[in-house]
Amino acid sequence: MREGKESPEVQGGRRSFLKGLLTGAGVAVALGMGPKKAAAQKKPGVPDPILYRRTEEVEKYYRTLYR
């Protein structure tokens, strides 16, 4: 095993690695703590829009599809 202090190159490399690691962790925390977007609230009494209607043609299609 080596005794004594490490070379300045090794110390500088470790410091820059730790600095980058801590900076990255700080950025991740900062982005995670950003303001949350408000969800759209439903207005009371307003029904949901009808996006799909089951017509006779659609019923025929599905009956033939699953035979």
C-alpha atoms as a PDB file:
ATOM      1  CA  MET A   1       0.000   0.000   0.000  1.00  0.00           C
ATOM      2  CA  ARG A   2       1.077   3.561  -0.625  1.00  0.00           C
ATOM      3  CA  GLU A   3       1.775   5.728   2.338  1.00  0.00           C
ATOM      4  CA  GLY A   4       1.522   9.513   2.367  1.00  0.00           C
ATOM      5  CA  LYS A   5      -0.475  12.027   0.413  1.00  0.00           C
ATOM      6  CA  GLU A   6      -1.816  11.459  -3.064  1.00  0.00           C
ATOM      7  CA  SER A   7      -0.592  13.437  -6.016  1.00  0.00           C
ATOM      8  CA  PRO A   8      -2.310  16.755  -6.813  1.00  0.00           C
ATOM      9  CA  GLU A   9      -3.654  15.257 -10.070  1.00  0.00           C
ATOM     10  CA  VAL A  10      -5.521  12.528  -8.205  1.00  0.00           C
ATOM     11  CA  GLN A  11      -6.866  14.957  -5.615  1.00  0.00           C
ATOM     12  CA  GLY A  12      -7.976  17.397  -8.321  1.00  0.00           C
ATOM     13  CA  GLY A  13      -9.693  14.623 -10.260  1.00  0.00           C
ATOM     14  CA  ARG A  14     -11.592  13.469  -7.209  1.00  0.00           C
ATOM     15  CA  ARG A  15     -12.558  16.999  -6.268  1.00  0.00           C
ATOM     16  CA  SER A  16     -13.853  17.780  -9.735  1.00  0.00           C
ATOM     17  CA  PHE A  17     -15.784  14.504  -9.750  1.00  0.00           C
ATOM     18  CA  LEU A  18     -17.377  15.280  -6.386  1.00  0.00           C
ATOM     19  CA  LYS A  19     -18.070  18.855  -7.436  1.00  0.00           C
ATOM     20  CA  GLY A  20     -19.827  17.635 -10.588  1.00  0.00           C
ATOM     21  CA  LEU A  21     -21.723  15.013  -8.638  1.00  0.00           C
ATOM     22  CA  LEU A  22     -22.945  17.526  -6.067  1.00  0.00           C
ATOM     23  CA  THR A  23     -23.812  20.048  -8.769  1.00  0.00           C
ATOM     24  CA  GLY A  24     -25.857  17.429 -10.620  1.00  0.00           C
ATOM     25  CA  ALA A  25     -27.649  16.452  -7.429  1.00  0.00           C
ATOM     26  CA  GLY A  26     -28.399  20.108  -6.718  1.00  0.00           C
ATOM     27  CA  VAL A  27     -29.852  20.614 -10.178  1.00  0.00           C
ATOM     28  CA  ALA A  28     -32.004  17.504  -9.811  1.00  0.00           C
ATOM     29  CA  VAL A  29     -33.348  18.720  -6.479  1.00  0.00           C
ATOM     30  CA  ALA A  30     -33.972  22.221  -7.843  1.00  0.00           C
ATOM     31  CA  LEU A  31     -35.907  20.860 -10.817  1.00  0.00           C
ATOM     32  CA  GLY A  32     -37.885  18.503  -8.613  1.00  0.00           C
ATOM     33  CA  MET A  33     -38.910  21.306  -6.281  1.00  0.00           C
ATOM     34  CA  GLY A  34     -40.141  23.591  -9.058  1.00  0.00           C
ATOM     35  CA  PRO A  35     -43.674  24.913  -8.961  1.00  0.00           C
ATOM     36  CA  LYS A  36     -46.275  22.325  -9.806  1.00  0.00           C
ATOM     37  CA  LYS A  37     -48.697  23.069 -12.603  1.00  0.00           C
ATOM     38  CA  ALA A  38     -52.266  23.386 -11.484  1.00  0.00           C
ATOM     39  CA  ALA A  39     -54.623  20.753 -12.774  1.00  0.00           C
ATOM     40  CA  ALA A  40     -57.690  21.972 -14.595  1.00  0.00           C
ATOM     41  CA  GLN A  41     -60.692  21.943 -12.330  1.00  0.00           C
ATOM     42  CA  LYS A  42     -63.992  20.594 -13.585  1.00  0.00           C
ATOM     43  CA  LYS A  43     -66.836  23.052 -13.490  1.00  0.00           C
ATOM     44  CA  PRO A  44     -69.783  21.708 -11.529  1.00  0.00           C
ATOM     45  CA  GLY A  45     -72.859  20.995 -13.578  1.00  0.00           C
ATOM     46  CA  VAL A  46     -71.010  20.772 -16.916  1.00  0.00           C
ATOM     47  CA  PRO A  47     -71.289  17.253 -18.369  1.00  0.00           C
ATOM     48  CA  ASP A  48     -68.385  15.561 -20.085  1.00  0.00           C
ATOM     49  CA  PRO A  49     -68.504  15.825 -23.878  1.00  0.00           C
ATOM     50  CA  ILE A  50     -69.626  12.724 -25.735  1.00  0.00           C
ATOM     51  CA  LEU A  51     -66.673  11.551 -27.754  1.00  0.00           C
ATOM     52  CA  TYR A  52     -68.096   8.311 -29.082  1.00  0.00           C
ATOM     53  CA  ARG A  53     -71.587   7.128 -29.921  1.00  0.00           C
ATOM     54  CA  ARG A  54     -72.509   3.468 -30.326  1.00  0.00           C
ATOM     55  CA  THR A  55     -74.652   3.530 -33.431  1.00  0.00           C
ATOM     56  CA  GLU A  56     -76.254   0.562 -35.131  1.00  0.00           C
ATOM     57  CA  GLU A  57     -73.447   0.486 -37.702  1.00  0.00           C
ATOM     58  CA  VAL A  58     -70.853   0.319 -34.963  1.00  0.00           C
ATOM     59  CA  GLU A  59     -72.746  -2.472 -33.222  1.00  0.00           C
ATOM     60  CA  LYS A  60     -72.836  -4.467 -36.474  1.00  0.00           C
ATOM     61  CA  TYR A  61     -69.111  -3.925 -36.946  1.00  0.00           C
ATOM     62  CA  TYR A  62     -68.244  -5.228 -33.484  1.00  0.00           C
ATOM     63  CA  ARG A  63     -70.581  -8.207 -33.788  1.00  0.00           C
ATOM     64  CA  THR A  64     -68.843  -9.271 -36.999  1.00  0.00           C
ATOM     65  CA  LEU A  65     -65.422  -8.520 -35.581  1.00  0.00           C
ATOM     66  CA  TYR A  66     -65.696 -10.935 -32.656  1.00  0.00           C
ATOM     67  CA  ARG A  67     -67.256 -13.861 -34.527  1.00  0.00           C
END
